[in-house]
Amino acid sequence: MNLGPGHLLLIGIALLIFFGPSRLPELGRSLGKGIQEFKKASRELTDSVKEDVSSDKDPK
């Protein structure tokens, strides 16, 4: 799925029409926080799995 500049412009105009210019910064912040939380959760999950795998390989 490739999004070119024309598609992005159309999406931006649609967002302006649906939400208005005053709500766009709020939506952007919410989206950014959601992405940040998702990255944090995936990083924690990856670290947990790596820790479990390394503890299974290293019997004491």
N, C-alpha and C. Protein backbone atom coordinates (compact mmCIF):
# COMPACT_ATOMS: atom_id res chain seq x y z
N MET A 1 0.84 -1.17 0.00
CA MET A 1 0.00 0.00 0.00
C MET A 1 0.89 1.24 0.00
N ASN A 2 1.03 1.86 -1.13
CA ASN A 2 1.86 3.05 -1.26
C ASN A 2 0.99 4.30 -1.18
N LEU A 3 1.41 5.23 -0.33
CA LEU A 3 0.72 6.51 -0.22
C LEU A 3 1.61 7.58 -0.82
N GLY A 4 1.13 8.18 -1.87
CA GLY A 4 1.88 9.26 -2.50
C GLY A 4 1.47 10.59 -1.92
N PRO A 5 2.10 11.66 -2.38
CA PRO A 5 1.78 12.99 -1.87
C PRO A 5 0.33 13.39 -2.10
N GLY A 6 -0.24 12.97 -3.22
CA GLY A 6 -1.64 13.28 -3.50
C GLY A 6 -2.58 12.62 -2.51
N HIS A 7 -2.28 11.36 -2.19
CA HIS A 7 -3.10 10.65 -1.21
C HIS A 7 -3.00 11.30 0.17
N LEU A 8 -1.79 11.66 0.56
CA LEU A 8 -1.60 12.28 1.87
C LEU A 8 -2.33 13.62 1.94
N LEU A 9 -2.31 14.38 0.87
CA LEU A 9 -3.01 15.65 0.82
C LEU A 9 -4.52 15.44 0.96
N LEU A 10 -5.05 14.45 0.26
CA LEU A 10 -6.47 14.13 0.35
C LEU A 10 -6.85 13.70 1.77
N ILE A 11 -6.02 12.90 2.41
CA ILE A 11 -6.28 12.48 3.79
C ILE A 11 -6.25 13.68 4.72
N GLY A 12 -5.29 14.58 4.51
CA GLY A 12 -5.20 15.78 5.34
C GLY A 12 -6.42 16.67 5.19
N ILE A 13 -6.89 16.84 3.97
CA ILE A 13 -8.09 17.66 3.75
C ILE A 13 -9.31 17.00 4.41
N ALA A 14 -9.42 15.68 4.29
CA ALA A 14 -10.54 14.98 4.91
C ALA A 14 -10.50 15.14 6.43
N LEU A 15 -9.30 15.06 7.02
CA LEU A 15 -9.18 15.26 8.47
C LEU A 15 -9.59 16.66 8.88
N LEU A 16 -9.20 17.64 8.10
CA LEU A 16 -9.60 19.02 8.39
C LEU A 16 -11.11 19.19 8.33
N ILE A 17 -11.74 18.57 7.35
CA ILE A 17 -13.20 18.68 7.20
C ILE A 17 -13.91 17.98 8.35
N PHE A 18 -13.47 16.76 8.70
CA PHE A 18 -14.16 16.00 9.73
C PHE A 18 -13.92 16.53 11.14
N PHE A 19 -12.69 16.90 11.46
CA PHE A 19 -12.36 17.26 12.83
C PHE A 19 -12.15 18.74 13.05
N GLY A 20 -11.82 19.47 12.03
CA GLY A 20 -11.57 20.90 12.18
C GLY A 20 -10.14 21.16 12.62
N PRO A 21 -9.67 22.37 12.36
CA PRO A 21 -8.26 22.69 12.67
C PRO A 21 -7.96 22.75 14.17
N SER A 22 -8.95 22.98 14.99
CA SER A 22 -8.68 23.08 16.43
C SER A 22 -8.46 21.72 17.09
N ARG A 23 -9.01 20.65 16.52
CA ARG A 23 -8.86 19.32 17.11
C ARG A 23 -7.67 18.55 16.57
N LEU A 24 -7.10 18.98 15.46
CA LEU A 24 -5.99 18.23 14.86
C LEU A 24 -4.77 18.11 15.78
N PRO A 25 -4.34 19.17 16.46
CA PRO A 25 -3.19 18.98 17.37
C PRO A 25 -3.46 17.98 18.49
N GLU A 26 -4.68 17.99 19.00
CA GLU A 26 -5.06 17.04 20.05
C GLU A 26 -5.03 15.61 19.51
N LEU A 27 -5.53 15.41 18.31
CA LEU A 27 -5.51 14.08 17.69
C LEU A 27 -4.07 13.62 17.43
N GLY A 28 -3.23 14.54 17.00
CA GLY A 28 -1.83 14.21 16.76
C GLY A 28 -1.11 13.79 18.04
N ARG A 29 -1.37 14.53 19.12
CA ARG A 29 -0.76 14.17 20.41
C ARG A 29 -1.23 12.80 20.88
N SER A 30 -2.53 12.54 20.74
CA SER A 30 -3.06 11.24 21.15
C SER A 30 -2.46 10.12 20.32
N LEU A 31 -2.33 10.34 19.04
CA LEU A 31 -1.73 9.32 18.17
C LEU A 31 -0.27 9.10 18.55
N GLY A 32 0.46 10.16 18.81
CA GLY A 32 1.86 10.05 19.22
C GLY A 32 2.02 9.29 20.53
N LYS A 33 1.16 9.59 21.50
CA LYS A 33 1.22 8.88 22.78
C LYS A 33 0.89 7.40 22.61
N GLY A 34 -0.08 7.11 21.75
CA GLY A 34 -0.44 5.71 21.50
C GLY A 34 0.70 4.94 20.86
N ILE A 35 1.36 5.55 19.89
CA ILE A 35 2.50 4.91 19.24
C ILE A 35 3.63 4.70 20.23
N GLN A 36 3.87 5.70 21.09
CA GLN A 36 4.92 5.61 22.10
C GLN A 36 4.63 4.47 23.08
N GLU A 37 3.39 4.34 23.52
CA GLU A 37 3.03 3.26 24.44
C GLU A 37 3.16 1.89 23.76
N PHE A 38 2.79 1.81 22.48
CA PHE A 38 2.92 0.56 21.76
C PHE A 38 4.38 0.15 21.64
N LYS A 39 5.24 1.09 21.31
CA LYS A 39 6.67 0.80 21.21
C LYS A 39 7.24 0.35 22.55
N LYS A 40 6.82 1.02 23.62
CA LYS A 40 7.30 0.66 24.96
C LYS A 40 6.87 -0.76 25.32
N ALA A 41 5.61 -1.09 25.05
CA ALA A 41 5.10 -2.42 25.38
C ALA A 41 5.80 -3.49 24.55
N SER A 42 6.03 -3.22 23.26
CA SER A 42 6.70 -4.21 22.44
C SER A 42 8.16 -4.38 22.85
N ARG A 43 8.81 -3.30 23.26
CA ARG A 43 10.20 -3.38 23.73
C ARG A 43 10.26 -4.20 25.02
N GLU A 44 9.31 -3.98 25.93
CA GLU A 44 9.30 -4.74 27.17
C GLU A 44 9.05 -6.22 26.90
N LEU A 45 8.15 -6.51 25.97
CA LEU A 45 7.87 -7.91 25.62
C LEU A 45 9.10 -8.57 25.01
N THR A 46 9.77 -7.86 24.12
CA THR A 46 10.98 -8.39 23.49
C THR A 46 12.06 -8.65 24.53
N ASP A 47 12.25 -7.70 25.45
CA ASP A 47 13.25 -7.89 26.50
C ASP A 47 12.90 -9.08 27.39
N SER A 48 11.62 -9.24 27.70
CA SER A 48 11.19 -10.36 28.53
C SER A 48 11.45 -11.69 27.84
N VAL A 49 11.15 -11.76 26.56
CA VAL A 49 11.38 -13.01 25.82
C VAL A 49 12.87 -13.30 25.73
N LYS A 50 13.68 -12.28 25.45
CA LYS A 50 15.13 -12.48 25.39
C LYS A 50 15.67 -12.95 26.74
N GLU A 51 15.15 -12.40 27.81
CA GLU A 51 15.59 -12.79 29.15
C GLU A 51 15.21 -14.24 29.44
N ASP A 52 13.98 -14.63 29.06
CA ASP A 52 13.56 -16.01 29.26
C ASP A 52 14.39 -16.99 28.45
N VAL A 53 14.69 -16.63 27.21
CA VAL A 53 15.48 -17.52 26.35
C VAL A 53 16.89 -17.64 26.89
N SER A 54 17.49 -16.54 27.33
CA SER A 54 18.85 -16.61 27.84
C SER A 54 18.90 -17.38 29.16
N SER A 55 17.86 -17.28 29.98
CA SER A 55 17.87 -18.03 31.24
C SER A 55 17.66 -19.52 30.99
N ASP A 56 16.94 -19.87 29.93
CA ASP A 56 16.75 -21.28 29.59
C ASP A 56 18.03 -21.90 29.04
N LYS A 57 18.85 -21.13 28.34
CA LYS A 57 20.10 -21.63 27.78
C LYS A 57 21.22 -21.69 28.81
N ASP A 58 21.10 -20.94 29.88
CA ASP A 58 22.16 -20.81 30.86
C ASP A 58 21.75 -21.49 32.17
N PRO A 59 21.74 -22.84 32.25
CA PRO A 59 21.36 -23.50 33.50
C PRO A 59 22.42 -23.30 34.58
N LYS A 60 21.95 -23.04 35.77
CA LYS A 60 22.90 -22.79 36.88
C LYS A 60 22.84 -23.88 37.90
